[in-house]
Amino acid sequence: MTQMPYYASAEQVMRDRSEYARKGISRGRSVAVLTYADGILFIAENPSATLHKIGEIYDRIGFAAVGRYSEFETLRQAGVRLADVRGYSYNRRDVTGRVLANAYAQTLGAIFTEQMKPYEVEVCVADLGDDPRRDELYRLTFDGSVFDEPDFVAMGGHAEAVSTALRSGFEPRLPLAEALVLGASALASGAAAANGTAKSGSTSAATGSVAGVVPPQTLEVAVLDRGRTKRTFRRISGAVLRDLLGVEDTPDAAAKPAAPAGEPDAAMAAAEPNGPATESDSDGAPESASPTRATNRPRPRPRKGKASTPPGDTTA
């Protein structure tokens, strides 16, 4: 008895690969990229301090991605090599976001059609122009499709919720602080959608900061700053990020003050069975009698070269 070979149409294969890639991307946290008055802002929800979702490719070109880290990190490194070789071989001005977007589209398209497993990634390439009208944002999907976005890009599992929040509050040439608060609020909307709640990221009326949905320490933020020369990419973190978001600094627990000279510290007090001996107070109270402290007190040594004089003896 002969068995019929397994057959699947090309449409079914592509549909299955698309569904597989979308499921992988939907598990990733959202990323938002938007233009502001002095450059381009990248903001991502990323609790890791070392595995970056945002990076630099060239002097005026930035990179952001969601999905499987190992795959989009491979794409980022390939983009860096391509930009370096092209800039060295021709001219640095020949390295543009459009060139990199086309290269990424060809690579992702070939992987999607030729390999069994597609890349579970979504990529944004941002090119900083000399003025805001020349800024370029390119969004690339797992199958190699390229989209030219005018003002902002939202990627990730809940990109629709993030995009809706950005669209409702976006204005051209926003200051950096306002653009950052808008982006953080949009990511909070995506987090709320992920949790199945109707609440979106709101803004505190007192501080103007994002209400605790996306804490600053879980945000990865970077900008392409038009005011910088040569390398325009810089990261924003720590106190600078909290100041821009309007979040009050949360200092750590105050350090324990050192014990003044002459007073025992806690370790010495715990080691003594009868407790530490108390020095005389300011009112002249005598020391507490402690046999342990008395027996442990070292005897004064006689000075070298002079014999100790017994009590009662006198020397002429």
C-alpha atoms as a PDB file:
ATOM      1  CA  MET A   1       0.000   0.000   0.000  1.00  0.00           C
ATOM      2  CA  THR A   2       1.486   3.303  -1.071  1.00  0.00           C
ATOM      3  CA  GLN A   3       1.011   6.455   0.986  1.00  0.00           C
ATOM      4  CA  MET A   4       0.350   9.807  -0.577  1.00  0.00           C
ATOM      5  CA  PRO A   5       3.182  12.292   0.125  1.00  0.00           C
ATOM      6  CA  TYR A   6       2.433  15.159   2.498  1.00  0.00           C
ATOM      7  CA  TYR A   7       1.460  18.267   0.591  1.00  0.00           C
ATOM      8  CA  ALA A   8       0.761  21.818   1.721  1.00  0.00           C
ATOM      9  CA  SER A   9       0.084  24.725  -0.544  1.00  0.00           C
ATOM     10  CA  ALA A  10       2.419  27.701  -0.618  1.00  0.00           C
ATOM     11  CA  GLU A  11      -0.322  29.881   0.856  1.00  0.00           C
ATOM     12  CA  GLN A  12      -0.737  27.515   3.800  1.00  0.00           C
ATOM     13  CA  VAL A  13       3.007  27.356   4.454  1.00  0.00           C
ATOM     14  CA  MET A  14       3.335  31.129   4.440  1.00  0.00           C
ATOM     15  CA  ARG A  15       0.264  31.466   6.651  1.00  0.00           C
ATOM     16  CA  ASP A  16       1.700  29.043   9.189  1.00  0.00           C
ATOM     17  CA  ARG A  17       5.047  30.826   9.241  1.00  0.00           C
ATOM     18  CA  SER A  18       3.353  34.198   9.684  1.00  0.00           C
ATOM     19  CA  GLU A  19       1.288  32.893  12.580  1.00  0.00           C
ATOM     20  CA  TYR A  20       4.377  31.378  14.189  1.00  0.00           C
ATOM     21  CA  ALA A  21       6.336  34.631  13.921  1.00  0.00           C
ATOM     22  CA  ARG A  22       3.454  36.753  15.207  1.00  0.00           C
ATOM     23  CA  LYS A  23       3.060  34.552  18.267  1.00  0.00           C
ATOM     24  CA  GLY A  24       6.736  34.969  19.099  1.00  0.00           C
ATOM     25  CA  ILE A  25       6.611  38.741  18.668  1.00  0.00           C
ATOM     26  CA  SER A  26       3.418  39.045  20.738  1.00  0.00           C
ATOM     27  CA  ARG A  27       5.267  37.687  23.776  1.00  0.00           C
ATOM     28  CA  GLY A  28       7.742  40.582  23.670  1.00  0.00           C
ATOM     29  CA  ARG A  29       7.380  43.870  25.511  1.00  0.00           C
ATOM     30  CA  SER A  30       6.535  46.929  23.463  1.00  0.00           C
ATOM     31  CA  VAL A  31       8.902  49.508  21.987  1.00  0.00           C
ATOM     32  CA  ALA A  32       8.037  53.036  20.865  1.00  0.00           C
ATOM     33  CA  VAL A  33      10.087  55.320  18.607  1.00  0.00           C
ATOM     34  CA  LEU A  34       8.972  58.899  18.048  1.00  0.00           C
ATOM     35  CA  THR A  35      10.360  62.181  16.823  1.00  0.00           C
ATOM     36  CA  TYR A  36      10.716  65.224  19.071  1.00  0.00           C
ATOM     37  CA  ALA A  37      12.002  68.754  18.670  1.00  0.00           C
ATOM     38  CA  ASP A  38      15.725  67.976  18.843  1.00  0.00           C
ATOM     39  CA  GLY A  39      15.909  64.435  17.505  1.00  0.00           C
ATOM     40  CA  ILE A  40      14.417  60.948  17.730  1.00  0.00           C
ATOM     41  CA  LEU A  41      13.430  59.210  20.963  1.00  0.00           C
ATOM     42  CA  PHE A  42      13.602  55.453  21.605  1.00  0.00           C
ATOM     43  CA  ILE A  43      11.773  54.050  24.624  1.00  0.00           C
ATOM     44  CA  ALA A  44      11.292  50.392  25.491  1.00  0.00           C
ATOM     45  CA  GLU A  45      10.033  48.407  28.421  1.00  0.00           C
ATOM     46  CA  ASN A  46      13.096  46.338  29.297  1.00  0.00           C
ATOM     47  CA  PRO A  47      13.945  45.249  32.857  1.00  0.00           C
ATOM     48  CA  SER A  48      17.358  43.921  31.765  1.00  0.00           C
ATOM     49  CA  ALA A  49      20.320  46.255  32.165  1.00  0.00           C
ATOM     50  CA  THR A  50      22.575  44.358  29.754  1.00  0.00           C
ATOM     51  CA  LEU A  51      20.374  42.850  27.002  1.00  0.00           C
ATOM     52  CA  HIS A  52      19.528  45.999  25.077  1.00  0.00           C
ATOM     53  CA  LYS A  53      16.598  46.317  22.687  1.00  0.00           C
ATOM     54  CA  ILE A  54      17.851  49.730  21.514  1.00  0.00           C
ATOM     55  CA  GLY A  55      21.235  50.347  19.955  1.00  0.00           C
ATOM     56  CA  GLU A  56      23.393  52.447  17.671  1.00  0.00           C
ATOM     57  CA  ILE A  57      24.279  51.446  14.129  1.00  0.00           C
ATOM     58  CA  TYR A  58      26.091  54.515  12.800  1.00  0.00           C
ATOM     59  CA  ASP A  59      26.662  58.194  13.546  1.00  0.00           C
ATOM     60  CA  ARG A  60      23.062  59.306  12.936  1.00  0.00           C
ATOM     61  CA  ILE A  61      21.275  55.947  12.711  1.00  0.00           C
ATOM     62  CA  GLY A  62      19.578  54.103  15.566  1.00  0.00           C
ATOM     63  CA  PHE A  63      18.096  50.635  15.904  1.00  0.00           C
ATOM     64  CA  ALA A  64      15.225  49.217  17.964  1.00  0.00           C
ATOM     65  CA  ALA A  65      13.641  45.771  17.892  1.00  0.00           C
ATOM     66  CA  VAL A  66      11.244  43.409  19.643  1.00  0.00           C
ATOM     67  CA  GLY A  67      11.053  39.642  19.590  1.00  0.00           C
ATOM     68  CA  ARG A  68      13.758  37.029  20.053  1.00  0.00           C
ATOM     69  CA  TYR A  69      16.900  38.695  21.365  1.00  0.00           C
ATOM     70  CA  SER A  70      19.467  36.449  19.662  1.00  0.00           C
ATOM     71  CA  GLU A  71      17.877  37.039  16.269  1.00  0.00           C
ATOM     72  CA  PHE A  72      17.564  40.820  16.328  1.00  0.00           C
ATOM     73  CA  GLU A  73      21.013  41.133  17.890  1.00  0.00           C
ATOM     74  CA  THR A  74      22.367  39.244  14.880  1.00  0.00           C
ATOM     75  CA  LEU A  75      20.607  41.730  12.602  1.00  0.00           C
ATOM     76  CA  ARG A  76      21.980  44.700  14.547  1.00  0.00           C
ATOM     77  CA  GLN A  77      25.557  43.447  14.318  1.00  0.00           C
ATOM     78  CA  ALA A  78      25.155  42.797  10.581  1.00  0.00           C
ATOM     79  CA  GLY A  79      23.868  46.355  10.170  1.00  0.00           C
ATOM     80  CA  VAL A  80      26.869  47.761  12.037  1.00  0.00           C
ATOM     81  CA  ARG A  81      29.275  45.847   9.794  1.00  0.00           C
ATOM     82  CA  LEU A  82      27.456  46.924   6.647  1.00  0.00           C
ATOM     83  CA  ALA A  83      27.478  50.580   7.717  1.00  0.00           C
ATOM     84  CA  ASP A  84      31.170  50.509   8.636  1.00  0.00           C
ATOM     85  CA  VAL A  85      32.223  48.896   5.352  1.00  0.00           C
ATOM     86  CA  ARG A  86      30.074  51.211   3.254  1.00  0.00           C
ATOM     87  CA  GLY A  87      31.221  54.328   5.092  1.00  0.00           C
ATOM     88  CA  TYR A  88      34.880  53.316   4.788  1.00  0.00           C
ATOM     89  CA  SER A  89      34.632  52.285   1.129  1.00  0.00           C
ATOM     90  CA  TYR A  90      32.664  55.303  -0.103  1.00  0.00           C
ATOM     91  CA  ASN A  91      31.684  58.157   2.199  1.00  0.00           C
ATOM     92  CA  ARG A  92      30.084  58.429   5.602  1.00  0.00           C
ATOM     93  CA  ARG A  93      27.176  60.343   4.075  1.00  0.00           C
ATOM     94  CA  ASP A  94      26.423  57.316   1.874  1.00  0.00           C
ATOM     95  CA  VAL A  95      25.337  55.359   4.957  1.00  0.00           C
ATOM     96  CA  THR A  96      21.621  56.118   5.296  1.00  0.00           C
ATOM     97  CA  GLY A  97      18.658  54.581   7.033  1.00  0.00           C
ATOM     98  CA  ARG A  98      17.093  53.661   3.716  1.00  0.00           C
ATOM     99  CA  VAL A  99      20.142  51.617   2.698  1.00  0.00           C
ATOM    100  CA  LEU A 100      20.033  49.682   5.955  1.00  0.00           C
ATOM    101  CA  ALA A 101      16.258  49.228   5.779  1.00  0.00           C
ATOM    102  CA  ASN A 102      16.572  47.740   2.269  1.00  0.00           C
ATOM    103  CA  ALA A 103      19.343  45.402   3.430  1.00  0.00           C
ATOM    104  CA  TYR A 104      17.268  44.248   6.399  1.00  0.00           C
ATOM    105  CA  ALA A 105      14.216  43.748   4.173  1.00  0.00           C
ATOM    106  CA  GLN A 106      16.177  41.511   1.804  1.00  0.00           C
ATOM    107  CA  THR A 107      17.614  39.473   4.663  1.00  0.00           C
ATOM    108  CA  LEU A 108      14.299  39.013   6.481  1.00  0.00           C
ATOM    109  CA  GLY A 109      12.477  38.207   3.241  1.00  0.00           C
ATOM    110  CA  ALA A 110      15.005  35.544   2.287  1.00  0.00           C
ATOM    111  CA  ILE A 111      14.864  33.964   5.743  1.00  0.00           C
ATOM    112  CA  PHE A 112      11.064  33.961   5.723  1.00  0.00           C
ATOM    113  CA  THR A 113      10.729  32.252   2.342  1.00  0.00           C
ATOM    114  CA  GLU A 114      13.742  29.916   2.316  1.00  0.00           C
ATOM    115  CA  GLN A 115      14.176  28.710   5.874  1.00  0.00           C
ATOM    116  CA  MET A 116      11.834  26.499   7.851  1.00  0.00           C
ATOM    117  CA  LYS A 117      11.729  28.854  10.829  1.00  0.00           C
ATOM    118  CA  PRO A 118      11.269  32.616  10.242  1.00  0.00           C
ATOM    119  CA  TYR A 119      12.796  35.274  12.457  1.00  0.00           C
ATOM    120  CA  GLU A 120      10.502  36.277  15.316  1.00  0.00           C
ATOM    121  CA  VAL A 121      11.476  39.941  15.176  1.00  0.00           C
ATOM    122  CA  GLU A 122      10.179  43.372  14.278  1.00  0.00           C
ATOM    123  CA  VAL A 123      12.733  46.094  13.623  1.00  0.00           C
ATOM    124  CA  CYS A 124      12.801  49.890  13.433  1.00  0.00           C
ATOM    125  CA  VAL A 125      15.613  51.809  11.747  1.00  0.00           C
ATOM    126  CA  ALA A 126      15.716  55.547  12.527  1.00  0.00           C
ATOM    127  CA  ASP A 127      17.779  58.038  10.527  1.00  0.00           C
ATOM    128  CA  LEU A 128      18.319  61.492  12.048  1.00  0.00           C
ATOM    129  CA  GLY A 129      18.091  64.350   9.566  1.00  0.00           C
ATOM    130  CA  ASP A 130      19.575  67.823   9.660  1.00  0.00           C
ATOM    131  CA  ASP A 131      16.134  69.190  10.563  1.00  0.00           C
ATOM    132  CA  PRO A 132      12.933  67.511  11.831  1.00  0.00           C
ATOM    133  CA  ARG A 133      11.423  67.318   8.371  1.00  0.00           C
ATOM    134  CA  ARG A 134      14.261  65.050   7.221  1.00  0.00           C
ATOM    135  CA  ASP A 135      13.919  62.474  10.024  1.00  0.00           C
ATOM    136  CA  GLU A 136      13.179  58.977   8.707  1.00  0.00           C
ATOM    137  CA  LEU A 137      11.579  56.037  10.528  1.00  0.00           C
ATOM    138  CA  TYR A 138      11.412  52.606   8.881  1.00  0.00           C
ATOM    139  CA  ARG A 139       9.535  49.660  10.380  1.00  0.00           C
ATOM    140  CA  LEU A 140      10.378  46.172   9.128  1.00  0.00           C
ATOM    141  CA  THR A 141       8.316  43.069   9.860  1.00  0.00           C
ATOM    142  CA  PHE A 142       9.364  39.424  10.055  1.00  0.00           C
ATOM    143  CA  ASP A 143       8.580  38.767   6.356  1.00  0.00           C
ATOM    144  CA  GLY A 144      10.725  41.625   5.025  1.00  0.00           C
ATOM    145  CA  SER A 145       7.959  44.175   4.517  1.00  0.00           C
ATOM    146  CA  VAL A 146       9.078  47.813   4.903  1.00  0.00           C
ATOM    147  CA  PHE A 147       6.886  50.682   6.133  1.00  0.00           C
ATOM    148  CA  ASP A 148       7.890  54.326   6.158  1.00  0.00           C
ATOM    149  CA  GLU A 149       6.372  55.883   9.291  1.00  0.00           C
ATOM    150  CA  PRO A 150       6.119  59.689   9.448  1.00  0.00           C
ATOM    151  CA  ASP A 151       6.045  60.530  13.181  1.00  0.00           C
ATOM    152  CA  PHE A 152       6.247  57.468  15.416  1.00  0.00           C
ATOM    153  CA  VAL A 153       6.537  53.681  15.407  1.00  0.00           C
ATOM    154  CA  ALA A 154       5.018  51.204  17.868  1.00  0.00           C
ATOM    155  CA  MET A 155       6.115  47.572  17.926  1.00  0.00           C
ATOM    156  CA  GLY A 156       5.468  44.550  20.075  1.00  0.00           C
ATOM    157  CA  GLY A 157       2.634  42.355  21.195  1.00  0.00           C
ATOM    158  CA  HIS A 158       0.296  45.266  21.958  1.00  0.00           C
ATOM    159  CA  ALA A 159       1.443  47.678  19.284  1.00  0.00           C
ATOM    160  CA  GLU A 160      -2.127  48.757  18.524  1.00  0.00           C
ATOM    161  CA  ALA A 161      -2.767  49.994  22.070  1.00  0.00           C
ATOM    162  CA  VAL A 162       0.608  51.769  22.151  1.00  0.00           C
ATOM    163  CA  SER A 163       0.025  53.299  18.720  1.00  0.00           C
ATOM    164  CA  THR A 164      -3.435  54.548  19.731  1.00  0.00           C
ATOM    165  CA  ALA A 165      -2.028  56.220  22.840  1.00  0.00           C
ATOM    166  CA  LEU A 166       0.773  57.848  20.840  1.00  0.00           C
ATOM    167  CA  ARG A 167      -1.618  59.084  18.181  1.00  0.00           C
ATOM    168  CA  SER A 168      -3.907  60.698  20.753  1.00  0.00           C
ATOM    169  CA  GLY A 169      -1.145  62.761  22.369  1.00  0.00           C
ATOM    170  CA  PHE A 170       1.504  63.250  19.697  1.00  0.00           C
ATOM    171  CA  GLU A 171       2.327  66.719  18.420  1.00  0.00           C
ATOM    172  CA  PRO A 172       5.171  67.709  16.115  1.00  0.00           C
ATOM    173  CA  ARG A 173       8.353  69.026  17.760  1.00  0.00           C
ATOM    174  CA  LEU A 174       7.508  68.142  21.350  1.00  0.00           C
ATOM    175  CA  PRO A 175      10.181  68.861  23.978  1.00  0.00           C
ATOM    176  CA  LEU A 176      12.131  65.830  25.135  1.00  0.00           C
ATOM    177  CA  ALA A 177      10.479  65.654  28.557  1.00  0.00           C
ATOM    178  CA  GLU A 178       6.955  65.753  27.101  1.00  0.00           C
ATOM    179  CA  ALA A 179       7.815  63.211  24.407  1.00  0.00           C
ATOM    180  CA  LEU A 180       9.283  60.908  27.042  1.00  0.00           C
ATOM    181  CA  VAL A 181       6.199  61.139  29.252  1.00  0.00           C
ATOM    182  CA  LEU A 182       4.003  60.460  26.218  1.00  0.00           C
ATOM    183  CA  GLY A 183       6.047  57.416  25.248  1.00  0.00           C
ATOM    184  CA  ALA A 184       6.029  56.032  28.786  1.00  0.00           C
ATOM    185  CA  SER A 185       2.263  56.530  29.017  1.00  0.00           C
ATOM    186  CA  ALA A 186       1.833  54.716  25.705  1.00  0.00           C
ATOM    187  CA  LEU A 187       3.889  51.779  26.976  1.00  0.00           C
ATOM    188  CA  ALA A 188       1.754  51.781  30.103  1.00  0.00           C
ATOM    189  CA  SER A 189      -1.304  51.471  27.868  1.00  0.00           C
ATOM    190  CA  GLY A 190       0.282  48.438  26.250  1.00  0.00           C
ATOM    191  CA  ALA A 191       1.061  46.938  29.657  1.00  0.00           C
ATOM    192  CA  ALA A 192      -2.540  47.501  30.718  1.00  0.00           C
ATOM    193  CA  ALA A 193      -3.759  45.780  27.562  1.00  0.00           C
ATOM    194  CA  ALA A 194      -1.407  42.879  28.282  1.00  0.00           C
ATOM    195  CA  ASN A 195      -2.886  42.510  31.763  1.00  0.00           C
ATOM    196  CA  GLY A 196      -6.393  42.608  30.365  1.00  0.00           C
ATOM    197  CA  THR A 197      -7.322  45.758  32.273  1.00  0.00           C
ATOM    198  CA  ALA A 198      -9.184  48.726  30.918  1.00  0.00           C
ATOM    199  CA  LYS A 199      -6.905  51.191  32.675  1.00  0.00           C
ATOM    200  CA  SER A 200      -4.297  52.839  30.518  1.00  0.00           C
ATOM    201  CA  GLY A 201      -1.147  54.504  31.701  1.00  0.00           C
ATOM    202  CA  SER A 202      -2.305  57.670  33.361  1.00  0.00           C
ATOM    203  CA  THR A 203      -0.339  60.708  34.385  1.00  0.00           C
ATOM    204  CA  SER A 204      -0.060  61.990  37.902  1.00  0.00           C
ATOM    205  CA  ALA A 205      -1.495  65.456  38.264  1.00  0.00           C
ATOM    206  CA  ALA A 206       0.993  66.368  40.965  1.00  0.00           C
ATOM    207  CA  THR A 207       4.212  65.323  39.265  1.00  0.00           C
ATOM    208  CA  GLY A 208       3.212  64.813  35.635  1.00  0.00           C
ATOM    209  CA  SER A 209       4.811  61.381  35.740  1.00  0.00           C
ATOM    210  CA  VAL A 210       3.571  58.007  34.686  1.00  0.00           C
ATOM    211  CA  ALA A 211       1.509  56.410  37.427  1.00  0.00           C
ATOM    212  CA  GLY A 212       3.429  53.336  38.627  1.00  0.00           C
ATOM    213  CA  VAL A 213       2.543  51.032  35.734  1.00  0.00           C
ATOM    214  CA  VAL A 214       5.979  51.265  34.087  1.00  0.00           C
ATOM    215  CA  PRO A 215       8.628  52.135  36.705  1.00  0.00           C
ATOM    216  CA  PRO A 216      11.602  54.163  35.443  1.00  0.00           C
ATOM    217  CA  GLN A 217      14.043  51.399  36.355  1.00  0.00           C
ATOM    218  CA  THR A 218      12.351  49.069  33.843  1.00  0.00           C
ATOM    219  CA  LEU A 219      12.596  51.564  30.972  1.00  0.00           C
ATOM    220  CA  GLU A 220      15.349  51.595  28.378  1.00  0.00           C
ATOM    221  CA  VAL A 221      15.616  55.059  26.851  1.00  0.00           C
ATOM    222  CA  ALA A 222      17.935  56.519  24.227  1.00  0.00           C
ATOM    223  CA  VAL A 223      17.910  59.427  21.786  1.00  0.00           C
ATOM    224  CA  LEU A 224      19.473  60.555  18.555  1.00  0.00           C
ATOM    225  CA  ASP A 225      20.319  64.110  19.581  1.00  0.00           C
ATOM    226  CA  ARG A 226      20.541  66.653  16.772  1.00  0.00           C
ATOM    227  CA  GLY A 227      22.596  68.959  18.984  1.00  0.00           C
ATOM    228  CA  ARG A 228      25.514  66.526  19.187  1.00  0.00           C
ATOM    229  CA  THR A 229      28.219  66.334  16.552  1.00  0.00           C
ATOM    230  CA  LYS A 230      29.443  63.110  14.960  1.00  0.00           C
ATOM    231  CA  ARG A 231      27.909  60.366  17.143  1.00  0.00           C
ATOM    232  CA  THR A 232      24.423  61.531  18.040  1.00  0.00           C
ATOM    233  CA  PHE A 233      23.296  58.430  19.948  1.00  0.00           C
ATOM    234  CA  ARG A 234      23.182  58.596  23.725  1.00  0.00           C
ATOM    235  CA  ARG A 235      21.387  56.674  26.439  1.00  0.00           C
ATOM    236  CA  ILE A 236      19.305  58.218  29.221  1.00  0.00           C
ATOM    237  CA  SER A 237      19.076  56.505  32.577  1.00  0.00           C
ATOM    238  CA  GLY A 238      19.281  57.036  36.308  1.00  0.00           C
ATOM    239  CA  ALA A 239      18.593  60.421  37.827  1.00  0.00           C
ATOM    240  CA  VAL A 240      18.414  62.136  34.429  1.00  0.00           C
ATOM    241  CA  LEU A 241      15.603  59.813  33.350  1.00  0.00           C
ATOM    242  CA  ARG A 242      13.699  60.323  36.598  1.00  0.00           C
ATOM    243  CA  ASP A 243      14.012  64.087  36.265  1.00  0.00           C
ATOM    244  CA  LEU A 244      12.679  64.044  32.700  1.00  0.00           C
ATOM    245  CA  LEU A 245       9.764  61.842  33.745  1.00  0.00           C
ATOM    246  CA  GLY A 246       9.066  64.039  36.760  1.00  0.00           C
ATOM    247  CA  VAL A 247       9.396  61.108  39.152  1.00  0.00           C
ATOM    248  CA  GLU A 248      10.705  61.909  42.602  1.00  0.00           C
ATOM    249  CA  ASP A 249      13.997  60.282  43.437  1.00  0.00           C
ATOM    250  CA  THR A 250      13.619  57.321  45.778  1.00  0.00           C
ATOM    251  CA  PRO A 251      16.815  57.292  47.852  1.00  0.00           C
ATOM    252  CA  ASP A 252      18.006  54.050  49.319  1.00  0.00           C
ATOM    253  CA  ALA A 253      17.952  53.452  53.004  1.00  0.00           C
ATOM    254  CA  ALA A 254      20.174  55.930  54.771  1.00  0.00           C
ATOM    255  CA  ALA A 255      23.596  54.578  55.529  1.00  0.00           C
ATOM    256  CA  LYS A 256      24.275  53.750  59.158  1.00  0.00           C
ATOM    257  CA  PRO A 257      26.346  56.525  60.761  1.00  0.00           C
ATOM    258  CA  ALA A 258      29.716  55.490  62.053  1.00  0.00           C
ATOM    259  CA  ALA A 259      30.062  55.211  65.801  1.00  0.00           C
ATOM    260  CA  PRO A 260      31.908  58.183  67.358  1.00  0.00           C
ATOM    261  CA  ALA A 261      35.369  57.638  68.740  1.00  0.00           C
ATOM    262  CA  GLY A 262      35.281  56.011  72.154  1.00  0.00           C
ATOM    263  CA  GLU A 263      31.846  54.389  71.712  1.00  0.00           C
ATOM    264  CA  PRO A 264      31.531  50.648  70.946  1.00  0.00           C
ATOM    265  CA  ASP A 265      29.717  49.647  67.782  1.00  0.00           C
ATOM    266  CA  ALA A 266      26.932  47.089  67.487  1.00  0.00           C
ATOM    267  CA  ALA A 267      29.274  44.192  66.722  1.00  0.00           C
ATOM    268  CA  MET A 268      31.336  44.794  69.863  1.00  0.00           C
ATOM    269  CA  ALA A 269      28.193  45.237  71.928  1.00  0.00           C
ATOM    270  CA  ALA A 270      26.799  41.925  70.706  1.00  0.00           C
ATOM    271  CA  ALA A 271      30.092  40.144  71.407  1.00  0.00           C
ATOM    272  CA  GLU A 272      30.218  41.213  75.058  1.00  0.00           C
ATOM    273  CA  PRO A 273      28.172  38.922  77.315  1.00  0.00           C
ATOM    274  CA  ASN A 274      27.326  41.591  79.844  1.00  0.00           C
ATOM    275  CA  GLY A 275      26.715  44.349  77.285  1.00  0.00           C
ATOM    276  CA  PRO A 276      28.958  47.293  76.562  1.00  0.00           C
ATOM    277  CA  ALA A 277      30.330  49.446  79.287  1.00  0.00           C
ATOM    278  CA  THR A 278      28.823  52.918  79.222  1.00  0.00           C
ATOM    279  CA  GLU A 279      31.071  55.931  79.264  1.00  0.00           C
ATOM    280  CA  SER A 280      30.311  58.710  81.723  1.00  0.00           C
ATOM    281  CA  ASP A 281      27.411  60.858  80.590  1.00  0.00           C
ATOM    282  CA  SER A 282      27.445  64.599  80.220  1.00  0.00           C
ATOM    283  CA  ASP A 283      26.064  65.024  83.731  1.00  0.00           C
ATOM    284  CA  GLY A 284      29.106  63.315  85.260  1.00  0.00           C
ATOM    285  CA  ALA A 285      27.542  59.933  86.037  1.00  0.00           C
ATOM    286  CA  PRO A 286      30.233  57.325  86.708  1.00  0.00           C
ATOM    287  CA  GLU A 287      30.968  54.371  84.434  1.00  0.00           C
ATOM    288  CA  SER A 288      28.976  51.236  84.980  1.00  0.00           C
ATOM    289  CA  ALA A 289      30.948  48.564  86.732  1.00  0.00           C
ATOM    290  CA  SER A 290      31.581  45.762  84.263  1.00  0.00           C
ATOM    291  CA  PRO A 291      33.849  42.888  85.330  1.00  0.00           C
ATOM    292  CA  THR A 292      34.327  41.846  81.737  1.00  0.00           C
ATOM    293  CA  ARG A 293      35.558  45.253  80.672  1.00  0.00           C
ATOM    294  CA  ALA A 294      37.751  45.496  83.758  1.00  0.00           C
ATOM    295  CA  THR A 295      39.522  42.168  83.221  1.00  0.00           C
ATOM    296  CA  ASN A 296      40.028  42.789  79.537  1.00  0.00           C
ATOM    297  CA  ARG A 297      41.615  46.190  80.057  1.00  0.00           C
ATOM    298  CA  PRO A 298      45.373  45.917  79.267  1.00  0.00           C
ATOM    299  CA  ARG A 299      47.932  46.809  81.923  1.00  0.00           C
ATOM    300  CA  PRO A 300      50.218  49.748  81.235  1.00  0.00           C
ATOM    301  CA  ARG A 301      53.688  48.623  80.209  1.00  0.00           C
ATOM    302  CA  PRO A 302      56.765  50.128  81.861  1.00  0.00           C
ATOM    303  CA  ARG A 303      58.841  52.438  79.767  1.00  0.00           C
ATOM    304  CA  LYS A 304      61.863  50.929  78.098  1.00  0.00           C
ATOM    305  CA  GLY A 305      65.118  51.532  79.896  1.00  0.00           C
ATOM    306  CA  LYS A 306      63.557  52.452  83.272  1.00  0.00           C
ATOM    307  CA  ALA A 307      62.857  50.007  86.075  1.00  0.00           C
ATOM    308  CA  SER A 308      59.401  50.090  87.575  1.00  0.00           C
ATOM    309  CA  THR A 309      59.381  51.382  91.129  1.00  0.00           C
ATOM    310  CA  PRO A 310      57.499  49.219  93.676  1.00  0.00           C
ATOM    311  CA  PRO A 311      54.961  50.991  95.825  1.00  0.00           C
ATOM    312  CA  GLY A 312      56.507  52.514  98.948  1.00  0.00           C
ATOM    313  CA  ASP A 313      60.084  52.664  97.638  1.00  0.00           C
ATOM    314  CA  THR A 314      61.738  55.972  96.930  1.00  0.00           C
ATOM    315  CA  THR A 315      64.719  56.639  94.803  1.00  0.00           C
ATOM    316  CA  ALA A 316      67.158  59.432  95.468  1.00  0.00           C
END
